[in-house]
Protein backbone atom coordinates (compact mmCIF):
# COMPACT_ATOMS: atom_id res chain seq x y z
CA MET A 1 83.57 68.37 -5.16
CA SER A 2 80.73 67.15 -7.45
CA GLY A 3 81.82 63.46 -7.57
CA GLY A 4 80.28 60.65 -9.75
CA GLN A 5 76.49 59.70 -10.00
CA ALA A 6 77.06 56.63 -7.41
CA ASP A 7 78.34 58.79 -4.74
CA ILE A 8 76.08 61.92 -4.88
CA VAL A 9 75.37 63.10 -1.39
CA ILE A 10 73.34 66.33 -1.95
CA SER A 11 70.86 66.91 -4.63
CA VAL A 12 69.91 70.41 -5.55
CA VAL A 13 66.60 71.02 -7.00
CA VAL A 14 65.89 74.63 -8.57
CA PRO A 15 62.76 75.42 -10.19
CA VAL A 16 62.79 77.81 -12.97
CA GLY A 17 59.88 79.97 -13.40
CA THR A 18 58.75 83.38 -14.90
CA ARG A 19 60.76 85.12 -11.85
CA HIS A 20 64.40 84.01 -12.64
CA ALA A 21 68.25 85.13 -12.35
CA GLU A 22 70.68 84.95 -14.99
CA ILE A 23 71.39 81.04 -14.38
CA THR A 24 75.20 80.61 -14.94
CA GLY A 25 75.82 83.31 -12.26
CA LEU A 26 72.94 81.79 -10.08
CA TYR A 27 74.57 78.34 -10.56
CA ARG A 28 78.14 79.74 -9.60
CA ASP A 29 76.82 81.44 -6.55
CA TYR A 30 75.06 78.15 -5.27
CA GLN A 31 78.23 76.18 -5.99
CA SER A 32 80.48 78.42 -4.01
CA GLY A 33 78.13 77.81 -1.00
CA LEU A 34 78.03 74.13 -1.49
CA GLN A 35 81.67 73.82 -1.89
CA LYS A 36 82.22 74.72 1.79
CA LEU A 37 80.46 71.43 2.97
CA ALA A 38 83.29 69.26 0.82
CA LEU A 39 80.31 66.91 0.03
CA SER A 40 79.38 65.48 -3.66
CA TYR A 41 76.56 67.19 -5.21
CA GLU A 42 74.42 67.55 -8.00
CA PHE A 43 72.04 70.38 -9.39
CA ILE A 44 68.76 69.72 -11.23
CA PHE A 45 67.27 72.66 -12.82
CA VAL A 46 63.48 72.42 -13.44
CA LEU A 47 62.23 74.69 -16.25
CA ASP A 48 58.51 75.23 -15.58
CA GLY A 49 57.71 76.26 -19.26
CA ARG A 50 59.88 77.11 -22.31
CA TYR A 51 62.96 79.36 -21.55
CA PRO A 52 65.33 78.97 -24.40
CA ASP A 53 67.88 81.13 -22.90
CA VAL A 54 68.00 79.40 -19.55
CA SER A 55 68.25 75.99 -21.73
CA ALA A 56 71.16 77.27 -23.69
CA ALA A 57 72.99 78.38 -20.54
CA LEU A 58 72.30 74.98 -19.00
CA GLU A 59 73.60 73.11 -21.85
CA GLU A 60 76.71 75.23 -21.80
CA LEU A 61 77.31 74.23 -18.09
CA GLN A 62 76.76 70.77 -19.23
CA ARG A 63 79.48 71.04 -22.03
CA ARG A 64 81.74 72.48 -19.29
CA GLY A 65 81.23 68.96 -17.23
CA GLU A 66 79.39 70.60 -14.60
CA PRO A 67 77.07 68.31 -12.50
CA VAL A 68 73.90 69.82 -13.91
CA THR A 69 70.68 68.03 -14.97
CA ALA A 70 68.10 69.97 -16.99
CA VAL A 71 64.57 68.93 -16.71
CA SER A 72 62.05 71.05 -18.86
CA LEU A 73 58.41 70.68 -18.66
CA THR A 74 56.27 70.97 -21.85
CA ARG A 75 54.34 73.83 -20.22
CA SER A 76 53.90 75.86 -17.03
CA PHE A 77 52.52 73.59 -14.21
CA GLY A 78 53.57 75.56 -11.15
CA GLU A 79 56.52 75.47 -8.87
CA ALA A 80 54.98 72.17 -6.86
CA THR A 81 54.93 70.38 -10.11
CA ALA A 82 58.44 71.40 -10.82
CA LEU A 83 59.58 70.72 -7.63
CA MET A 84 58.07 67.19 -7.79
CA ALA A 85 59.77 66.66 -11.25
CA GLY A 86 63.15 67.36 -9.81
CA PHE A 87 62.45 65.04 -6.82
CA GLU A 88 61.99 62.41 -9.35
CA GLU A 89 65.59 62.78 -10.81
CA ALA A 90 67.31 63.40 -7.26
CA ARG A 91 69.94 60.96 -6.48
CA GLY A 92 71.11 62.31 -3.19
CA SER A 93 70.52 61.31 0.42
CA ILE A 94 70.09 64.88 1.18
CA VAL A 95 67.73 67.02 -0.93
CA MET A 96 67.72 70.81 -1.11
CA THR A 97 65.54 73.16 -2.91
CA LEU A 98 66.83 76.51 -3.97
CA PRO A 99 64.73 79.24 -5.72
CA GLY A 100 65.60 79.99 -9.57
CA TYR A 101 66.56 83.74 -8.07
CA TYR A 102 68.67 85.47 -5.76
CA GLN A 103 66.78 84.86 -2.17
CA ILE A 104 69.77 83.75 0.55
CA GLU A 105 73.15 84.27 0.91
CA SER A 106 74.84 81.32 -0.93
CA SER A 107 77.44 81.06 2.16
CA ASP A 108 74.81 80.21 4.59
CA ILE A 109 73.67 77.07 2.62
CA PRO A 110 75.87 74.88 4.91
CA THR A 111 73.47 75.99 7.66
CA LEU A 112 70.63 74.35 6.21
CA VAL A 113 72.53 71.12 5.58
CA ASN A 114 74.21 71.13 9.07
CA ALA A 115 70.85 71.84 10.62
CA LEU A 116 69.76 68.30 9.53
CA ALA A 117 71.76 66.52 12.21
CA ALA A 118 69.00 67.31 14.67
CA CYS A 119 65.77 67.35 12.32
CA ASP A 120 64.40 65.83 9.08
CA VAL A 121 63.50 69.02 7.29
CA ALA A 122 65.29 72.24 7.54
CA VAL A 123 63.49 75.45 6.15
CA GLY A 124 65.41 78.82 5.75
CA ARG A 125 64.23 82.08 7.67
CA ARG A 126 65.58 84.96 6.24
CA TRP A 127 66.58 87.47 9.11
CA PRO A 128 67.06 90.16 9.18
CA ARG A 129 64.09 90.73 6.67
CA SER A 130 63.94 93.37 4.64
CA GLY A 131 60.93 95.19 3.09
CA GLY A 132 58.24 98.02 3.83
CA ARG A 133 55.54 98.08 6.69
CA LEU A 134 52.72 96.98 4.12
CA GLU A 135 54.92 93.78 3.24
CA SER A 136 55.64 93.12 7.01
CA LEU A 137 51.88 93.32 7.58
CA ARG A 138 50.84 90.92 4.68
CA ARG A 139 53.50 88.43 5.66
CA SER A 140 52.35 88.67 9.59
CA VAL A 141 48.66 88.19 8.44
CA PHE A 142 49.61 85.31 6.32
CA HIS A 143 51.72 83.35 8.85
CA ARG A 144 49.29 84.04 11.77
CA ALA A 145 46.51 82.70 9.74
CA VAL A 146 48.45 79.56 8.91
CA ARG A 147 49.39 79.14 12.68
CA SER A 148 45.95 79.59 13.86
CA MET A 149 44.50 76.72 11.41
CA THR A 150 47.31 74.37 11.39
CA GLY A 151 48.80 74.67 14.78
CA PHE A 152 52.16 74.81 13.41
CA ARG A 153 54.31 77.95 13.73
CA LEU A 154 56.71 79.12 10.91
CA SER A 155 57.88 82.42 10.24
CA ASP A 156 58.85 82.42 6.45
CA LEU A 157 56.97 80.38 4.25
CA GLY A 158 57.94 82.12 1.36
CA CYS A 159 61.59 81.07 1.64
CA GLY A 160 62.49 78.47 -1.20
CA ALA A 161 65.74 77.47 0.50
CA ARG A 162 65.03 74.08 2.28
CA ALA A 163 67.16 70.76 3.09
CA MET A 164 65.47 67.66 4.11
CA LYS A 165 66.51 64.14 4.21
CA ARG A 166 65.62 61.84 1.36
CA ARG A 167 63.07 59.85 3.05
CA VAL A 168 60.67 63.16 3.50
CA ILE A 169 60.26 63.43 -0.38
CA GLU A 170 59.50 59.84 -0.71
CA GLU A 171 56.48 60.53 1.47
CA ILE A 172 55.30 63.79 0.43
CA TYR A 173 53.43 64.40 -2.56
CA LEU A 174 53.12 68.08 -3.90
CA TYR A 175 50.57 69.60 -6.14
CA GLY A 176 48.78 72.98 -6.99
CA ASP A 177 50.67 75.57 -4.80
CA GLN A 178 51.60 73.56 -2.06
CA HIS A 179 55.17 74.07 -2.26
CA ARG A 180 54.87 76.87 -0.04
CA PHE A 181 53.73 74.39 2.66
CA LEU A 182 56.24 71.54 2.12
CA ALA A 183 57.35 71.93 5.79
CA VAL A 184 53.79 72.02 7.29
CA LEU A 185 52.88 69.10 5.41
CA ALA A 186 56.07 67.10 6.57
CA HIS A 187 55.39 67.99 10.00
CA ARG A 188 51.93 66.47 9.51
CA GLN A 189 53.63 63.28 8.55
CA GLY A 190 55.55 63.27 11.63
CA PHE A 191 58.82 64.56 10.48
CA ARG A 192 60.93 66.90 12.61
CA VAL A 193 60.95 70.27 10.90
CA VAL A 194 63.18 73.29 12.30
CA GLU A 195 63.57 76.75 10.85
CA ALA A 196 67.38 78.04 10.31
CA ASP A 197 68.08 81.73 10.23
CA VAL A 198 69.81 82.50 7.04
CA ARG A 199 70.66 86.05 5.59
CA GLN A 200 68.59 87.70 2.73
CA SER A 201 70.33 88.22 -0.35
CA PRO A 202 70.27 92.21 -1.21
CA ARG A 203 69.21 91.24 -4.66
CA ASP A 204 65.89 89.68 -3.23
CA ARG A 205 63.49 92.18 -4.27
CA PHE A 206 60.11 91.82 -5.98
CA GLU A 207 59.36 95.21 -7.65
CA GLY A 208 55.77 94.11 -8.85
CA ARG A 209 52.48 94.14 -6.91
CA TYR A 210 50.25 91.26 -5.88
CA ARG A 211 46.85 91.46 -7.49
CA LEU A 212 43.83 90.79 -5.61
CA ARG A 213 43.32 87.16 -7.25
CA GLU A 214 46.78 86.26 -5.49
CA TYR A 215 45.32 87.25 -1.87
CA VAL A 216 42.19 85.24 -2.80
CA HIS A 217 44.47 82.12 -4.06
CA ARG A 218 46.46 82.12 -0.70
CA ALA A 219 43.52 82.19 1.50
CA LEU A 220 42.08 79.09 -0.54
CA ASP A 221 45.58 77.60 -0.15
CA ILE A 222 45.49 77.80 3.47
CA MET A 223 42.09 76.45 3.68
CA THR A 224 43.24 73.54 1.56
CA VAL A 225 46.05 72.94 4.02
CA LEU A 226 43.80 73.19 6.91
CA PHE A 227 41.70 70.47 5.59
CA LEU A 228 44.81 68.48 4.76
CA VAL A 229 46.66 68.71 7.93
CA ARG A 230 43.53 68.41 10.35
CA PHE A 231 40.93 66.63 8.51
CA THR A 232 42.23 64.02 5.90
CA LYS A 233 41.38 61.11 8.01
CA LYS A 234 38.49 62.79 10.00
CA PRO A 235 36.37 64.10 7.15
CA LEU A 236 33.18 63.78 9.29
CA ARG A 237 34.56 65.78 11.80
CA PHE A 238 34.93 68.85 9.03
CA PHE A 239 31.74 68.34 7.24
CA GLY A 240 29.65 67.18 10.09
CA MET A 241 30.43 69.99 12.28
CA ILE A 242 29.21 72.46 9.84
CA GLY A 243 26.29 70.13 8.76
CA VAL A 244 25.23 69.84 12.14
CA THR A 245 25.26 73.42 13.14
CA LEU A 246 23.42 74.28 9.77
CA GLY A 247 20.85 71.44 10.39
CA VAL A 248 20.13 72.39 13.91
CA ILE A 249 19.77 76.16 13.23
CA GLY A 250 17.39 75.02 10.39
CA ALA A 251 15.45 72.76 12.54
CA LEU A 252 15.13 75.27 15.45
CA LEU A 253 13.79 77.88 12.85
CA LEU A 254 11.30 75.19 11.49
CA VAL A 255 10.06 74.51 15.00
CA GLY A 256 9.83 78.17 15.88
CA LEU A 257 7.38 78.69 12.73
CA VAL A 258 5.35 75.65 13.29
CA VAL A 259 4.79 76.91 17.13
CA ALA A 260 3.83 80.31 15.94
CA ARG A 261 1.33 78.87 13.30
CA ILE A 262 -0.15 76.51 15.57
CA ALA A 263 -0.17 78.57 18.87
CA PHE A 264 -0.59 82.18 17.45
CA GLY A 265 -2.19 81.43 13.90
CA HIS A 266 0.65 83.15 12.02
CA PRO A 267 0.17 81.96 8.31
CA LEU A 268 3.38 80.04 7.01
CA ALA A 269 2.72 81.15 3.25
CA ASP A 270 4.87 83.23 1.22
CA ARG A 271 7.25 83.66 4.32
CA PRO A 272 11.25 83.63 3.51
CA ALA A 273 11.98 82.23 7.09
CA LEU A 274 10.14 78.87 5.80
CA LEU A 275 12.41 78.68 2.82
CA LEU A 276 15.43 79.83 4.62
CA SER A 277 15.16 77.22 7.54
CA SER A 278 14.12 74.36 5.08
CA LEU A 279 17.27 74.98 2.87
CA LEU A 280 19.61 75.06 6.05
CA ALA A 281 18.09 71.79 7.29
CA VAL A 282 18.47 70.21 4.03
CA LEU A 283 22.03 71.62 3.62
CA GLY A 284 23.09 70.49 7.01
CA LEU A 285 21.81 66.98 6.02
CA GLN A 286 23.68 66.63 3.12
CA LEU A 287 26.89 67.95 4.38
CA PHE A 288 26.62 65.47 7.18
CA ALA A 289 26.10 62.60 4.49
CA ILE A 290 29.38 63.84 2.67
CA GLY A 291 31.31 63.52 5.77
CA LEU A 292 30.03 60.05 6.53
CA LEU A 293 30.69 59.06 2.90
CA GLY A 294 34.17 60.57 3.39
CA GLU A 295 34.71 58.41 6.39
CA LEU A 296 33.44 55.31 4.71
CA ILE A 297 36.13 55.98 1.97
CA ILE A 298 38.78 56.42 4.48
CA PHE A 299 38.03 53.27 6.53
CA THR A 300 38.04 51.27 3.08
CA HIS A 301 41.72 52.64 2.26
CA ALA A 302 42.97 53.02 5.96
CA ARG A 303 45.69 50.11 5.41
CA ASP A 304 47.24 52.32 2.42
CA ILE A 305 47.53 55.53 4.25
CA LYS A 306 50.35 56.36 6.21
CA ASP A 307 50.77 59.56 8.12
CA TYR A 308 53.25 58.88 10.77
CA GLN A 309 57.03 58.22 10.82
CA VAL A 310 58.93 55.65 12.89
CA GLU A 311 61.96 57.25 14.97
CA ARG A 312 63.53 53.96 15.83
CA VAL A 313 62.76 50.41 16.89
CA VAL A 314 64.38 48.71 19.59
CA HIS A 315 64.45 44.79 19.65
CA PHE A 316 65.06 42.50 22.41
CA ASP A 317 68.17 40.18 21.94
CA ALA A 318 66.71 36.91 20.75
CA ALA A 319 69.90 35.21 21.47
CA GLU A 320 69.09 35.56 25.26
CA PRO A 321 65.52 34.27 25.91
CA THR A 322 63.95 34.95 28.94
CA SER A 323 64.34 31.81 31.23
CA PRO A 324 61.04 30.51 32.69
CA SER A 325 62.52 29.99 35.93
CA ALA A 326 63.04 33.86 36.15
CA ALA A 327 59.36 34.22 36.19
CA PRO A 328 57.65 34.71 39.67
CA ASP A 329 56.11 31.69 41.24
CA HIS A 330 52.32 33.17 41.24
CA ALA A 331 51.25 29.62 42.51
CA ALA A 332 52.86 29.65 45.53
CA VAL A 333 51.62 33.31 46.72
CA GLY A 334 49.01 33.15 49.45
């Protein structure tokens, strides 16, 4: 059942980008999975760019009385921005993200929602997973890199099917291409994240090829998430570690050159090693200074930064205060 605006339980956000399926069929497919839950729901389709055919299909669904909201962005801003625009319109206590194309079997949508009984974020893991050896190798390398840099193990960051409690979207802000790392960022914030196995749709096929630029972008995304997860509130550890390492190497080279000049009379003029050691020492000092400046900024705004979640608070019963007579008489001891 779809229900009214006041009693919506599940908000489904569907970003629509360059790769998208026929929207009416996709909506009906997702709807069939949601109806098994017997909970009220709404769909929020976010058009990341101009797609007249999709807009027309959504308008037709609205005329039929379907619980569909259409959000059109002025141009393509990326999937992360599209998701954030959809989150702003979501009214349900549970928020789901589903891709704008067939990726999982819709009958497994309840699996993601039911998994929230034991966690805050449930992310889909397509299993069994189809694809050739090259694709499997690419996925394995990507996830191993993320795991080694963040310390958090996930197996299918490319799956766009997720379910989360509302407070998660109220604490996390996505930008750029961070939609892939939503679960990692949620884990950093202290939310409980689990993977739920869902069946891969037989229509989940990417026929194109990934260009070299895409691999470079993914490597940079991993570095961004590494900094966000480990060094957001400790920038000196990141910049200071690199700065001190370069500074020490440069200083040792300089000392070696000076010793060679004084003890053995080796000339310093026109020596590339002198220039290299000087650059390393200066660069190391600059990186250390950047880290120190970052620490000062973090210290100034520390009260406004929240990177933890409270699971529960247990208060004592104020109606029954502790009696002073019940305390041990330490004065009588000895």
